[in-house]
C-alpha atoms as a PDB file:
ATOM      1  CA  UNK A   1      83.191  93.892 -88.549  1.00  0.00           C
ATOM      2  CA  UNK A   2      84.286  91.788 -85.735  1.00  0.00           C
ATOM      3  CA  UNK A   3      86.916  91.606 -83.111  1.00  0.00           C
ATOM      4  CA  UNK A   4      88.873  88.854 -81.050  1.00  0.00           C
ATOM      5  CA  UNK A   5      87.861  88.701 -77.561  1.00  0.00           C
ATOM      6  CA  UNK A   6      90.336  87.985 -74.674  1.00  0.00           C
ATOM      7  CA  UNK A   7      89.394  85.441 -71.200  1.00  0.00           C
ATOM      8  CA  UNK A   8      86.927  83.230 -71.036  1.00  0.00           C
ATOM      9  CA  UNK A   9      83.128  82.714 -70.984  1.00  0.00           C
ATOM     10  CA  UNK A  10      81.374  80.117 -69.420  1.00  0.00           C
ATOM     11  CA  UNK A  11      77.644  78.920 -71.084  1.00  0.00           C
ATOM     12  CA  UNK A  12      75.579  76.860 -69.098  1.00  0.00           C
ATOM     13  CA  UNK A  13      72.441  75.508 -71.047  1.00  0.00           C
ATOM     14  CA  UNK A  14      69.546  74.222 -68.485  1.00  0.00           C
ATOM     15  CA  UNK A  15      67.704  71.428 -69.961  1.00  0.00           C
ATOM     16  CA  UNK A  16      63.757  72.334 -69.537  1.00  0.00           C
ATOM     17  CA  UNK A  17      61.885  69.685 -67.334  1.00  0.00           C
ATOM     18  CA  UNK A  18      60.742  66.807 -69.236  1.00  0.00           C
ATOM     19  CA  UNK A  19      57.078  66.349 -70.666  1.00  0.00           C
ATOM     20  CA  UNK A  20      54.675  63.822 -69.026  1.00  0.00           C
ATOM     21  CA  UNK A  21      50.971  63.420 -69.678  1.00  0.00           C
ATOM     22  CA  UNK A  22      48.133  64.741 -67.716  1.00  0.00           C
ATOM     23  CA  UNK A  23      45.915  61.821 -66.371  1.00  0.00           C
ATOM     24  CA  UNK A  24      42.644  61.503 -64.616  1.00  0.00           C
ATOM     25  CA  UNK A  25      39.750  63.633 -65.077  1.00  0.00           C
ATOM     26  CA  UNK A  26      36.114  62.924 -66.123  1.00  0.00           C
ATOM     27  CA  UNK A  27      32.295  63.270 -64.785  1.00  0.00           C
ATOM     28  CA  UNK A  28      31.029  63.499 -61.490  1.00  0.00           C
ATOM     29  CA  UNK A  29      27.576  64.077 -59.567  1.00  0.00           C
ATOM     30  CA  UNK A  30      27.723  67.636 -57.972  1.00  0.00           C
ATOM     31  CA  UNK A  31      28.307  67.031 -54.071  1.00  0.00           C
ATOM     32  CA  UNK A  32      30.415  64.021 -54.613  1.00  0.00           C
ATOM     33  CA  UNK A  33      34.002  63.708 -53.389  1.00  0.00           C
ATOM     34  CA  UNK A  34      35.440  64.958 -57.420  1.00  0.00           C
ATOM     35  CA  UNK A  35      37.722  63.267 -59.712  1.00  0.00           C
ATOM     36  CA  UNK A  36      41.231  62.611 -59.493  1.00  0.00           C
ATOM     37  CA  UNK A  37      44.174  64.709 -61.578  1.00  0.00           C
ATOM     38  CA  UNK A  38      47.584  63.421 -61.753  1.00  0.00           C
ATOM     39  CA  UNK A  39      50.949  63.009 -63.951  1.00  0.00           C
ATOM     40  CA  UNK A  40      52.287  60.361 -65.327  1.00  0.00           C
ATOM     41  CA  UNK A  41      55.624  60.889 -64.310  1.00  0.00           C
ATOM     42  CA  UNK A  42      58.107  63.784 -62.587  1.00  0.00           C
ATOM     43  CA  UNK A  43      61.476  64.535 -61.801  1.00  0.00           C
ATOM     44  CA  UNK A  44      62.959  65.389 -58.548  1.00  0.00           C
ATOM     45  CA  UNK A  45      64.385  69.107 -58.473  1.00  0.00           C
ATOM     46  CA  UNK A  46      60.932  69.736 -60.428  1.00  0.00           C
ATOM     47  CA  UNK A  47      57.846  71.911 -58.951  1.00  0.00           C
ATOM     48  CA  UNK A  48      54.871  71.080 -60.763  1.00  0.00           C
ATOM     49  CA  UNK A  49      51.943  73.605 -60.820  1.00  0.00           C
ATOM     50  CA  UNK A  50      48.116  71.977 -61.383  1.00  0.00           C
ATOM     51  CA  UNK A  51      46.059  74.775 -63.646  1.00  0.00           C
ATOM     52  CA  UNK A  52      42.145  75.022 -64.345  1.00  0.00           C
ATOM     53  CA  UNK A  53      41.307  76.628 -67.361  1.00  0.00           C
ATOM     54  CA  UNK A  54      44.766  78.228 -67.456  1.00  0.00           C
ATOM     55  CA  UNK A  55      44.767  80.013 -63.741  1.00  0.00           C
ATOM     56  CA  UNK A  56      46.699  78.088 -60.857  1.00  0.00           C
ATOM     57  CA  UNK A  57      44.381  75.455 -59.008  1.00  0.00           C
ATOM     58  CA  UNK A  58      46.101  74.175 -56.426  1.00  0.00           C
ATOM     59  CA  UNK A  59      49.779  74.596 -54.675  1.00  0.00           C
ATOM     60  CA  UNK A  60      53.069  73.260 -55.512  1.00  0.00           C
ATOM     61  CA  UNK A  61      53.784  69.427 -56.296  1.00  0.00           C
ATOM     62  CA  UNK A  62      57.205  68.609 -55.879  1.00  0.00           C
ATOM     63  CA  UNK A  63      58.681  66.018 -58.399  1.00  0.00           C
ATOM     64  CA  UNK A  64      59.518  62.282 -56.796  1.00  0.00           C
ATOM     65  CA  UNK A  65      60.968  60.862 -59.768  1.00  0.00           C
ATOM     66  CA  UNK A  66      57.319  58.794 -60.212  1.00  0.00           C
ATOM     67  CA  UNK A  67      53.641  59.681 -60.840  1.00  0.00           C
ATOM     68  CA  UNK A  68      52.118  62.619 -59.234  1.00  0.00           C
ATOM     69  CA  UNK A  69      48.573  63.060 -57.567  1.00  0.00           C
ATOM     70  CA  UNK A  70      46.794  66.346 -57.348  1.00  0.00           C
ATOM     71  CA  UNK A  71      43.990  64.994 -55.450  1.00  0.00           C
ATOM     72  CA  UNK A  72      40.569  64.816 -56.516  1.00  0.00           C
ATOM     73  CA  UNK A  73      39.198  67.899 -57.971  1.00  0.00           C
ATOM     74  CA  UNK A  74      35.688  69.343 -57.577  1.00  0.00           C
ATOM     75  CA  UNK A  75      35.475  72.190 -59.728  1.00  0.00           C
ATOM     76  CA  UNK A  76      34.717  71.764 -63.804  1.00  0.00           C
ATOM     77  CA  UNK A  77      36.863  72.435 -66.062  1.00  0.00           C
ATOM     78  CA  UNK A  78      40.319  71.469 -68.245  1.00  0.00           C
ATOM     79  CA  UNK A  79      43.275  70.962 -66.065  1.00  0.00           C
ATOM     80  CA  UNK A  80      46.404  71.222 -67.390  1.00  0.00           C
ATOM     81  CA  UNK A  81      50.085  71.293 -65.451  1.00  0.00           C
ATOM     82  CA  UNK A  82      52.915  73.605 -65.945  1.00  0.00           C
ATOM     83  CA  UNK A  83      56.565  72.073 -64.675  1.00  0.00           C
ATOM     84  CA  UNK A  84      59.351  74.382 -63.181  1.00  0.00           C
ATOM     85  CA  UNK A  85      63.094  73.591 -62.986  1.00  0.00           C
ATOM     86  CA  UNK A  86      63.488  74.391 -59.003  1.00  0.00           C
ATOM     87  CA  UNK A  87      66.976  75.778 -59.570  1.00  0.00           C
ATOM     88  CA  UNK A  88      66.836  77.355 -63.347  1.00  0.00           C
ATOM     89  CA  UNK A  89      63.436  78.378 -63.848  1.00  0.00           C
ATOM     90  CA  UNK A  90      63.246  76.888 -66.796  1.00  0.00           C
ATOM     91  CA  UNK A  91      59.412  75.529 -67.584  1.00  0.00           C
ATOM     92  CA  UNK A  92      57.680  72.996 -69.801  1.00  0.00           C
ATOM     93  CA  UNK A  93      53.775  72.667 -70.136  1.00  0.00           C
ATOM     94  CA  UNK A  94      52.951  69.301 -69.673  1.00  0.00           C
ATOM     95  CA  UNK A  95      51.356  67.058 -72.514  1.00  0.00           C
ATOM     96  CA  UNK A  96      47.424  66.573 -72.664  1.00  0.00           C
ATOM     97  CA  UNK A  97      44.907  67.946 -70.062  1.00  0.00           C
ATOM     98  CA  UNK A  98      42.024  66.395 -67.950  1.00  0.00           C
ATOM     99  CA  UNK A  99      38.856  67.510 -68.407  1.00  0.00           C
ATOM    100  CA  UNK A 100      36.302  67.544 -65.192  1.00  0.00           C
ATOM    101  CA  UNK A 101      32.421  67.514 -65.799  1.00  0.00           C
ATOM    102  CA  UNK A 102      30.324  68.088 -63.222  1.00  0.00           C
ATOM    103  CA  UNK A 103      26.543  66.452 -63.364  1.00  0.00           C
ATOM    104  CA  UNK A 104      23.808  68.480 -61.546  1.00  0.00           C
ATOM    105  CA  UNK A 105      20.566  67.412 -61.950  1.00  0.00           C
ATOM    106  CA  UNK A 106      17.197  69.791 -62.710  1.00  0.00           C
ATOM    107  CA  UNK A 107      15.272  71.366 -59.547  1.00  0.00           C
ATOM    108  CA  UNK A 108      12.022  69.498 -59.446  1.00  0.00           C
ATOM    109  CA  UNK A 109      13.363  66.461 -61.353  1.00  0.00           C
ATOM    110  CA  UNK A 110      13.248  62.808 -60.057  1.00  0.00           C
ATOM    111  CA  UNK A 111      15.211  60.261 -62.047  1.00  0.00           C
ATOM    112  CA  UNK A 112      14.062  56.592 -63.178  1.00  0.00           C
ATOM    113  CA  UNK A 113      16.463  54.549 -64.376  1.00  0.00           C
ATOM    114  CA  UNK A 114      15.759  51.055 -64.866  1.00  0.00           C
ATOM    115  CA  UNK A 115      19.523  50.104 -65.330  1.00  0.00           C
ATOM    116  CA  UNK A 116      20.700  51.751 -61.876  1.00  0.00           C
ATOM    117  CA  UNK A 117      21.296  49.010 -59.224  1.00  0.00           C
ATOM    118  CA  UNK A 118      23.160  51.229 -56.696  1.00  0.00           C
ATOM    119  CA  UNK A 119      22.289  50.810 -53.163  1.00  0.00           C
ATOM    120  CA  UNK A 120      21.789  54.751 -53.220  1.00  0.00           C
ATOM    121  CA  UNK A 121      19.152  55.114 -55.170  1.00  0.00           C
ATOM    122  CA  UNK A 122      17.791  58.786 -54.343  1.00  0.00           C
ATOM    123  CA  UNK A 123      15.914  59.919 -57.420  1.00  0.00           C
ATOM    124  CA  UNK A 124      18.942  62.062 -58.376  1.00  0.00           C
ATOM    125  CA  UNK A 125      20.323  61.991 -61.829  1.00  0.00           C
ATOM    126  CA  UNK A 126      23.718  60.375 -60.658  1.00  0.00           C
ATOM    127  CA  UNK A 127      21.587  57.682 -58.249  1.00  0.00           C
ATOM    128  CA  UNK A 128      18.210  57.453 -59.737  1.00  0.00           C
ATOM    129  CA  UNK A 129      15.537  55.505 -58.912  1.00  0.00           C
ATOM    130  CA  UNK A 130      15.202  51.826 -60.232  1.00  0.00           C
ATOM    131  CA  UNK A 131      11.383  51.500 -60.761  1.00  0.00           C
ATOM    132  CA  UNK A 132       8.728  54.455 -61.842  1.00  0.00           C
ATOM    133  CA  UNK A 133       6.952  53.592 -58.749  1.00  0.00           C
ATOM    134  CA  UNK A 134       9.483  54.875 -56.399  1.00  0.00           C
ATOM    135  CA  UNK A 135       9.958  58.174 -58.595  1.00  0.00           C
ATOM    136  CA  UNK A 136       6.150  58.704 -58.456  1.00  0.00           C
ATOM    137  CA  UNK A 137       6.399  58.067 -54.828  1.00  0.00           C
ATOM    138  CA  UNK A 138       9.449  60.807 -54.302  1.00  0.00           C
ATOM    139  CA  UNK A 139       7.754  63.240 -56.566  1.00  0.00           C
ATOM    140  CA  UNK A 140       6.267  66.185 -55.455  1.00  0.00           C
ATOM    141  CA  UNK A 141       2.785  67.630 -57.311  1.00  0.00           C
ATOM    142  CA  UNK A 142       3.914  69.560 -60.220  1.00  0.00           C
ATOM    143  CA  UNK A 143       7.381  67.707 -60.643  1.00  0.00           C
ATOM    144  CA  UNK A 144       8.724  65.909 -63.726  1.00  0.00           C
ATOM    145  CA  UNK A 145       9.501  62.332 -63.950  1.00  0.00           C
ATOM    146  CA  UNK A 146      12.474  61.957 -65.798  1.00  0.00           C
ATOM    147  CA  UNK A 147      12.811  58.109 -67.081  1.00  0.00           C
ATOM    148  CA  UNK A 148      15.552  56.662 -68.806  1.00  0.00           C
ATOM    149  CA  UNK A 149      14.930  54.698 -71.876  1.00  0.00           C
ATOM    150  CA  UNK A 150      13.653  50.933 -71.665  1.00  0.00           C
ATOM    151  CA  UNK A 151      10.829  48.484 -70.641  1.00  0.00           C
ATOM    152  CA  UNK A 152       9.413  49.237 -66.922  1.00  0.00           C
ATOM    153  CA  UNK A 153       7.088  46.034 -66.006  1.00  0.00           C
ATOM    154  CA  UNK A 154       4.881  47.796 -63.393  1.00  0.00           C
ATOM    155  CA  UNK A 155       1.437  49.129 -62.605  1.00  0.00           C
ATOM    156  CA  UNK A 156       1.517  52.847 -61.429  1.00  0.00           C
ATOM    157  CA  UNK A 157      -1.487  54.221 -60.310  1.00  0.00           C
ATOM    158  CA  UNK A 158      -0.998  58.234 -60.588  1.00  0.00           C
ATOM    159  CA  UNK A 159      -3.087  60.819 -58.430  1.00  0.00           C
ATOM    160  CA  UNK A 160      -0.734  63.553 -58.866  1.00  0.00           C
ATOM    161  CA  UNK A 161      -0.394  66.334 -61.473  1.00  0.00           C
ATOM    162  CA  UNK A 162       3.387  65.222 -62.615  1.00  0.00           C
ATOM    163  CA  UNK A 163       4.971  65.609 -65.848  1.00  0.00           C
ATOM    164  CA  UNK A 164       6.533  62.180 -66.963  1.00  0.00           C
ATOM    165  CA  UNK A 165       9.513  62.580 -69.509  1.00  0.00           C
ATOM    166  CA  UNK A 166      11.546  60.258 -71.525  1.00  0.00           C
ATOM    167  CA  UNK A 167      15.267  61.200 -70.927  1.00  0.00           C
ATOM    168  CA  UNK A 168      16.918  59.311 -74.055  1.00  0.00           C
ATOM    169  CA  UNK A 169      14.682  57.459 -76.063  1.00  0.00           C
ATOM    170  CA  UNK A 170      11.520  55.541 -75.631  1.00  0.00           C
ATOM    171  CA  UNK A 171       9.862  54.314 -72.430  1.00  0.00           C
ATOM    172  CA  UNK A 172       7.634  51.146 -72.186  1.00  0.00           C
ATOM    173  CA  UNK A 173       5.694  51.052 -68.599  1.00  0.00           C
ATOM    174  CA  UNK A 174       3.991  47.753 -69.095  1.00  0.00           C
ATOM    175  CA  UNK A 175       1.178  47.086 -66.551  1.00  0.00           C
ATOM    176  CA  UNK A 176      -2.099  45.925 -65.686  1.00  0.00           C
ATOM    177  CA  UNK A 177      -4.865  48.771 -64.929  1.00  0.00           C
END
């Protein structure tokens, strides 16, 4: 069954926002400044929403026609972005995601890594001491000294009750008694 209609109809087709790639993510140490999350492009008249594990994680960022930054994020999780056209309400999920992993060292553990040369060495997993001696000096009785694999050419006389643990391989402490 059909019927002829009279008059005119106006049909508006709204184009959803263009999908851009989510950028950033990575690993950082707890207590640090976080990791940047962004979008490699944007459109004007489009609002972008950063989500962490499916929940809004930050306020709205308006499109500029260029790449966007959502700033450094300090919570671990999977970050995605949803874009909504401000006038039509059409939305699009952006492509990809940024995964942030927060590294937290264990309590009562002093970390040593001969390969670390940062000036901020403090015995944490993110800024380990470069020598076993420095790790020993910082350790308290009953602590664990977690030593990254490698050769350590030093003499260490230990008179504390400690646990020495190879973190990721073989550790050779070479020295004279």
